[in-house]
C-alpha atoms as a PDB file:
ATOM      1  CA  UNK A   1     -44.387 -58.743 -71.066  1.00  0.00           C
ATOM      2  CA  UNK A   2     -44.666 -56.044 -70.209  1.00  0.00           C
ATOM      3  CA  UNK A   3     -41.147 -53.892 -70.165  1.00  0.00           C
ATOM      4  CA  UNK A   4     -40.028 -51.770 -67.613  1.00  0.00           C
ATOM      5  CA  UNK A   5     -37.184 -49.944 -67.888  1.00  0.00           C
ATOM      6  CA  UNK A   6     -35.299 -49.430 -64.672  1.00  0.00           C
ATOM      7  CA  UNK A   7     -32.572 -47.177 -65.444  1.00  0.00           C
ATOM      8  CA  UNK A   8     -34.347 -43.714 -65.419  1.00  0.00           C
ATOM      9  CA  UNK A   9     -35.991 -44.698 -62.033  1.00  0.00           C
ATOM     10  CA  UNK A  10     -32.127 -45.211 -60.767  1.00  0.00           C
ATOM     11  CA  UNK A  11     -31.652 -42.200 -62.660  1.00  0.00           C
ATOM     12  CA  UNK A  12     -33.700 -40.230 -61.324  1.00  0.00           C
ATOM     13  CA  UNK A  13     -32.863 -41.653 -57.544  1.00  0.00           C
ATOM     14  CA  UNK A  14     -29.175 -40.197 -58.390  1.00  0.00           C
ATOM     15  CA  UNK A  15     -30.657 -36.997 -59.321  1.00  0.00           C
ATOM     16  CA  UNK A  16     -33.041 -36.667 -55.977  1.00  0.00           C
ATOM     17  CA  UNK A  17     -29.736 -38.106 -53.990  1.00  0.00           C
ATOM     18  CA  UNK A  18     -27.466 -35.044 -55.675  1.00  0.00           C
ATOM     19  CA  UNK A  19     -29.905 -32.464 -55.009  1.00  0.00           C
ATOM     20  CA  UNK A  20     -30.469 -33.439 -51.279  1.00  0.00           C
ATOM     21  CA  UNK A  21     -26.491 -33.765 -50.926  1.00  0.00           C
ATOM     22  CA  UNK A  22     -25.969 -30.577 -52.572  1.00  0.00           C
ATOM     23  CA  UNK A  23     -29.279 -29.038 -50.217  1.00  0.00           C
ATOM     24  CA  UNK A  24     -27.602 -30.673 -46.920  1.00  0.00           C
ATOM     25  CA  UNK A  25     -24.072 -29.505 -47.951  1.00  0.00           C
ATOM     26  CA  UNK A  26     -25.934 -25.738 -48.545  1.00  0.00           C
ATOM     27  CA  UNK A  27     -27.568 -26.383 -45.106  1.00  0.00           C
ATOM     28  CA  UNK A  28     -24.310 -27.242 -43.337  1.00  0.00           C
ATOM     29  CA  UNK A  29     -22.432 -24.764 -44.913  1.00  0.00           C
ATOM     30  CA  UNK A  30     -24.959 -22.266 -43.833  1.00  0.00           C
ATOM     31  CA  UNK A  31     -25.228 -23.820 -40.136  1.00  0.00           C
ATOM     32  CA  UNK A  32     -21.654 -23.890 -39.752  1.00  0.00           C
ATOM     33  CA  UNK A  33     -21.700 -20.097 -40.789  1.00  0.00           C
ATOM     34  CA  UNK A  34     -23.919 -19.231 -38.382  1.00  0.00           C
ATOM     35  CA  UNK A  35     -22.161 -20.868 -35.589  1.00  0.00           C
ATOM     36  CA  UNK A  36     -18.865 -19.231 -36.788  1.00  0.00           C
ATOM     37  CA  UNK A  37     -20.917 -16.277 -36.279  1.00  0.00           C
ATOM     38  CA  UNK A  38     -22.468 -16.765 -33.224  1.00  0.00           C
ATOM     39  CA  UNK A  39     -19.379 -18.083 -31.468  1.00  0.00           C
ATOM     40  CA  UNK A  40     -17.437 -14.530 -32.914  1.00  0.00           C
ATOM     41  CA  UNK A  41     -20.126 -13.007 -31.320  1.00  0.00           C
ATOM     42  CA  UNK A  42     -20.298 -14.373 -28.312  1.00  0.00           C
ATOM     43  CA  UNK A  43     -16.420 -13.813 -27.996  1.00  0.00           C
ATOM     44  CA  UNK A  44     -17.047 -10.312 -28.621  1.00  0.00           C
ATOM     45  CA  UNK A  45     -19.632  -9.865 -26.353  1.00  0.00           C
ATOM     46  CA  UNK A  46     -17.215 -11.564 -24.152  1.00  0.00           C
ATOM     47  CA  UNK A  47     -13.910  -9.246 -24.863  1.00  0.00           C
ATOM     48  CA  UNK A  48     -16.114  -6.220 -25.029  1.00  0.00           C
ATOM     49  CA  UNK A  49     -17.299  -7.580 -21.228  1.00  0.00           C
ATOM     50  CA  UNK A  50     -13.679  -8.165 -20.040  1.00  0.00           C
ATOM     51  CA  UNK A  51     -12.783  -4.328 -21.179  1.00  0.00           C
ATOM     52  CA  UNK A  52     -14.891  -3.120 -19.266  1.00  0.00           C
ATOM     53  CA  UNK A  53     -14.353  -5.136 -16.157  1.00  0.00           C
ATOM     54  CA  UNK A  54     -10.972  -4.062 -16.818  1.00  0.00           C
ATOM     55  CA  UNK A  55     -11.524  -0.386 -17.278  1.00  0.00           C
ATOM     56  CA  UNK A  56     -13.296  -0.512 -13.795  1.00  0.00           C
ATOM     57  CA  UNK A  57     -10.124  -2.212 -12.269  1.00  0.00           C
ATOM     58  CA  UNK A  58      -8.100   0.262 -13.832  1.00  0.00           C
ATOM     59  CA  UNK A  59     -10.307   3.303 -12.541  1.00  0.00           C
ATOM     60  CA  UNK A  60      -9.755   1.624  -8.970  1.00  0.00           C
ATOM     61  CA  UNK A  61      -6.579   1.424  -9.251  1.00  0.00           C
ATOM     62  CA  UNK A  62      -5.912   4.607 -10.181  1.00  0.00           C
ATOM     63  CA  UNK A  63      -8.194   5.787  -6.912  1.00  0.00           C
ATOM     64  CA  UNK A  64      -5.937   3.184  -5.000  1.00  0.00           C
ATOM     65  CA  UNK A  65      -2.848   4.513  -6.264  1.00  0.00           C
ATOM     66  CA  UNK A  66      -4.163   7.909  -5.431  1.00  0.00           C
ATOM     67  CA  UNK A  67      -4.707   7.174  -1.985  1.00  0.00           C
ATOM     68  CA  UNK A  68      -1.555   5.426  -1.472  1.00  0.00           C
ATOM     69  CA  UNK A  69       0.468   8.496  -2.446  1.00  0.00           C
ATOM     70  CA  UNK A  70      -1.579  10.368  -0.094  1.00  0.00           C
ATOM     71  CA  UNK A  71      -0.667   8.290   2.724  1.00  0.00           C
ATOM     72  CA  UNK A  72       2.945   8.219   1.583  1.00  0.00           C
ATOM     73  CA  UNK A  73       2.568  12.179   2.375  1.00  0.00           C
ATOM     74  CA  UNK A  74       0.822  11.661   5.518  1.00  0.00           C
ATOM     75  CA  UNK A  75       3.565   9.236   6.806  1.00  0.00           C
ATOM     76  CA  UNK A  76       6.235  11.531   5.735  1.00  0.00           C
ATOM     77  CA  UNK A  77       4.128  14.507   7.223  1.00  0.00           C
ATOM     78  CA  UNK A  78       4.299  12.493  10.610  1.00  0.00           C
ATOM     79  CA  UNK A  79       7.943  11.512  10.059  1.00  0.00           C
ATOM     80  CA  UNK A  80       8.576  15.099   9.941  1.00  0.00           C
ATOM     81  CA  UNK A  81       6.468  15.836  13.047  1.00  0.00           C
ATOM     82  CA  UNK A  82       7.841  13.084  15.179  1.00  0.00           C
ATOM     83  CA  UNK A  83      11.366  14.146  14.102  1.00  0.00           C
ATOM     84  CA  UNK A  84      10.498  17.516  15.198  1.00  0.00           C
ATOM     85  CA  UNK A  85       8.504  16.275  18.520  1.00  0.00           C
ATOM     86  CA  UNK A  86      12.105  14.659  19.334  1.00  0.00           C
ATOM     87  CA  UNK A  87      14.189  17.242  19.226  1.00  0.00           C
ATOM     88  CA  UNK A  88      11.382  19.671  21.111  1.00  0.00           C
ATOM     89  CA  UNK A  89      11.630  16.373  23.715  1.00  0.00           C
ATOM     90  CA  UNK A  90      15.266  17.117  23.688  1.00  0.00           C
ATOM     91  CA  UNK A  91      15.118  20.819  24.296  1.00  0.00           C
ATOM     92  CA  UNK A  92      12.941  20.213  26.923  1.00  0.00           C
ATOM     93  CA  UNK A  93      14.932  17.826  28.674  1.00  0.00           C
ATOM     94  CA  UNK A  94      18.126  19.803  28.035  1.00  0.00           C
ATOM     95  CA  UNK A  95      16.698  23.175  29.333  1.00  0.00           C
ATOM     96  CA  UNK A  96      17.157  22.426  33.090  1.00  0.00           C
ATOM     97  CA  UNK A  97      21.455  21.221  31.750  1.00  0.00           C
ATOM     98  CA  UNK A  98      22.216  24.899  31.327  1.00  0.00           C
ATOM     99  CA  UNK A  99      20.740  26.087  34.237  1.00  0.00           C
ATOM    100  CA  UNK A 100      22.434  23.466  36.409  1.00  0.00           C
ATOM    101  CA  UNK A 101      25.965  24.195  34.185  1.00  0.00           C
ATOM    102  CA  UNK A 102      26.133  27.813  34.673  1.00  0.00           C
ATOM    103  CA  UNK A 103      25.494  26.939  38.267  1.00  0.00           C
ATOM    104  CA  UNK A 104      28.187  24.201  38.749  1.00  0.00           C
ATOM    105  CA  UNK A 105      30.296  26.967  36.717  1.00  0.00           C
ATOM    106  CA  UNK A 106      29.822  29.408  39.422  1.00  0.00           C
ATOM    107  CA  UNK A 107      30.348  26.992  41.898  1.00  0.00           C
ATOM    108  CA  UNK A 108      33.391  26.277  41.287  1.00  0.00           C
ATOM    109  CA  UNK A 109      35.255  29.169  40.506  1.00  0.00           C
ATOM    110  CA  UNK A 110      37.270  30.451  43.078  1.00  0.00           C
ATOM    111  CA  UNK A 111      37.679  33.464  44.460  1.00  0.00           C
ATOM    112  CA  UNK A 112      40.466  35.354  42.505  1.00  0.00           C
ATOM    113  CA  UNK A 113      39.366  33.925  39.062  1.00  0.00           C
ATOM    114  CA  UNK A 114      36.993  35.002  35.873  1.00  0.00           C
ATOM    115  CA  UNK A 115      35.661  33.334  32.994  1.00  0.00           C
ATOM    116  CA  UNK A 116      36.313  34.945  30.215  1.00  0.00           C
ATOM    117  CA  UNK A 117      35.026  32.848  27.476  1.00  0.00           C
ATOM    118  CA  UNK A 118      32.239  29.480  27.954  1.00  0.00           C
ATOM    119  CA  UNK A 119      31.779  28.114  24.989  1.00  0.00           C
ATOM    120  CA  UNK A 120      29.776  24.300  25.021  1.00  0.00           C
ATOM    121  CA  UNK A 121      30.009  21.551  22.075  1.00  0.00           C
ATOM    122  CA  UNK A 122      27.666  18.895  22.372  1.00  0.00           C
ATOM    123  CA  UNK A 123      29.125  17.851  26.166  1.00  0.00           C
ATOM    124  CA  UNK A 124      32.223  19.034  26.145  1.00  0.00           C
ATOM    125  CA  UNK A 125      32.491  22.631  27.901  1.00  0.00           C
ATOM    126  CA  UNK A 126      35.847  25.305  27.199  1.00  0.00           C
ATOM    127  CA  UNK A 127      36.027  27.872  29.426  1.00  0.00           C
ATOM    128  CA  UNK A 128      38.713  30.342  28.571  1.00  0.00           C
ATOM    129  CA  UNK A 129      39.470  32.804  31.810  1.00  0.00           C
ATOM    130  CA  UNK A 130      42.274  34.743  34.020  1.00  0.00           C
ATOM    131  CA  UNK A 131      43.268  33.998  37.808  1.00  0.00           C
ATOM    132  CA  UNK A 132      45.720  35.925  40.069  1.00  0.00           C
ATOM    133  CA  UNK A 133      47.458  32.238  40.174  1.00  0.00           C
ATOM    134  CA  UNK A 134      48.016  28.967  39.154  1.00  0.00           C
ATOM    135  CA  UNK A 135      46.742  27.787  42.217  1.00  0.00           C
ATOM    136  CA  UNK A 136      43.286  29.468  41.709  1.00  0.00           C
ATOM    137  CA  UNK A 137      43.647  27.156  38.386  1.00  0.00           C
ATOM    138  CA  UNK A 138      44.210  24.217  40.104  1.00  0.00           C
ATOM    139  CA  UNK A 139      41.276  24.634  42.807  1.00  0.00           C
ATOM    140  CA  UNK A 140      38.836  25.426  39.788  1.00  0.00           C
ATOM    141  CA  UNK A 141      39.878  22.010  38.228  1.00  0.00           C
ATOM    142  CA  UNK A 142      39.654  20.180  41.570  1.00  0.00           C
ATOM    143  CA  UNK A 143      36.325  21.992  42.189  1.00  0.00           C
ATOM    144  CA  UNK A 144      35.104  20.739  38.685  1.00  0.00           C
ATOM    145  CA  UNK A 145      36.039  16.902  39.524  1.00  0.00           C
ATOM    146  CA  UNK A 146      34.152  17.150  42.369  1.00  0.00           C
ATOM    147  CA  UNK A 147      31.395  18.798  40.606  1.00  0.00           C
ATOM    148  CA  UNK A 148      27.955  17.013  40.235  1.00  0.00           C
ATOM    149  CA  UNK A 149      27.908  18.145  36.336  1.00  0.00           C
ATOM    150  CA  UNK A 150      31.159  18.368  35.555  1.00  0.00           C
ATOM    151  CA  UNK A 151      33.244  15.726  35.205  1.00  0.00           C
ATOM    152  CA  UNK A 152      37.271  15.315  33.547  1.00  0.00           C
ATOM    153  CA  UNK A 153      38.570  18.741  33.426  1.00  0.00           C
ATOM    154  CA  UNK A 154      41.346  18.989  31.076  1.00  0.00           C
ATOM    155  CA  UNK A 155      43.870  21.410  31.416  1.00  0.00           C
ATOM    156  CA  UNK A 156      44.345  22.910  27.926  1.00  0.00           C
ATOM    157  CA  UNK A 157      47.109  25.406  28.495  1.00  0.00           C
ATOM    158  CA  UNK A 158      48.086  28.093  31.483  1.00  0.00           C
ATOM    159  CA  UNK A 159      49.970  31.082  30.570  1.00  0.00           C
ATOM    160  CA  UNK A 160      51.828  33.697  33.171  1.00  0.00           C
ATOM    161  CA  UNK A 161      51.050  37.187  31.848  1.00  0.00           C
ATOM    162  CA  UNK A 162      52.917  39.886  33.912  1.00  0.00           C
ATOM    163  CA  UNK A 163      51.404  43.680  33.434  1.00  0.00           C
ATOM    164  CA  UNK A 164      51.722  46.672  35.181  1.00  0.00           C
ATOM    165  CA  UNK A 165      49.203  46.172  38.419  1.00  0.00           C
ATOM    166  CA  UNK A 166      51.138  41.975  39.076  1.00  0.00           C
ATOM    167  CA  UNK A 167      51.238  38.795  37.812  1.00  0.00           C
ATOM    168  CA  UNK A 168      47.775  36.822  36.136  1.00  0.00           C
ATOM    169  CA  UNK A 169      47.528  33.239  34.537  1.00  0.00           C
ATOM    170  CA  UNK A 170      45.650  32.944  31.588  1.00  0.00           C
ATOM    171  CA  UNK A 171      43.877  29.675  31.214  1.00  0.00           C
ATOM    172  CA  UNK A 172      42.047  27.416  29.208  1.00  0.00           C
ATOM    173  CA  UNK A 173      40.458  24.209  30.555  1.00  0.00           C
ATOM    174  CA  UNK A 174      37.635  21.504  29.464  1.00  0.00           C
ATOM    175  CA  UNK A 175      35.359  19.677  31.101  1.00  0.00           C
ATOM    176  CA  UNK A 176      32.337  16.908  30.359  1.00  0.00           C
ATOM    177  CA  UNK A 177      29.002  17.710  31.465  1.00  0.00           C
ATOM    178  CA  UNK A 178      27.214  14.875  32.949  1.00  0.00           C
ATOM    179  CA  UNK A 179      23.472  14.974  31.495  1.00  0.00           C
ATOM    180  CA  UNK A 180      22.422  11.034  32.825  1.00  0.00           C
ATOM    181  CA  UNK A 181      21.627  13.230  36.277  1.00  0.00           C
ATOM    182  CA  UNK A 182      19.023  15.023  34.518  1.00  0.00           C
ATOM    183  CA  UNK A 183      16.628  12.280  33.736  1.00  0.00           C
ATOM    184  CA  UNK A 184      17.424  10.688  37.275  1.00  0.00           C
ATOM    185  CA  UNK A 185      16.874  13.945  39.018  1.00  0.00           C
ATOM    186  CA  UNK A 186      13.245  14.672  36.952  1.00  0.00           C
ATOM    187  CA  UNK A 187      12.215  11.469  37.654  1.00  0.00           C
ATOM    188  CA  UNK A 188      12.605  11.742  41.546  1.00  0.00           C
ATOM    189  CA  UNK A 189      11.069  15.523  41.043  1.00  0.00           C
ATOM    190  CA  UNK A 190       8.140  13.936  39.739  1.00  0.00           C
END
């Protein structure tokens, strides 16, 4: 009978499987390392691409911020110009008021009365003057009351002064200038 020894065959098979296992393990480690390296490289590429995009966006944001700042400057300039235009418009509208005021002051002044001082603050007109009698001051106040451009006369003070020639009255009268008529007059005149 022939003698067959199965032990070395099994031992050889075990050695071969062990070699195959270590080879597969080495290959798996290499493949895993390659996958890790490749994924790291892909992630790094994505990060660098995103950083490039972010830089482009930051540059666009800087440009837009500069444009916004320029727009704000233009808006401020526009507001200043609009304010100036309003002031000029108000001055243009109030220009005829001065003429009407002086005309009305002359028309309201009775004979024997003189103005020594005329002052205006907003719509309030303050008149200081000298009259030959208190009756002349009363006439002045009635004339102001009947005026189209002046209203609500108020007597501030009246003082009788005796000088070498005769007796005079020094007075202070305040009235309110009516400015509503100018817009109606301008509309009718245009």
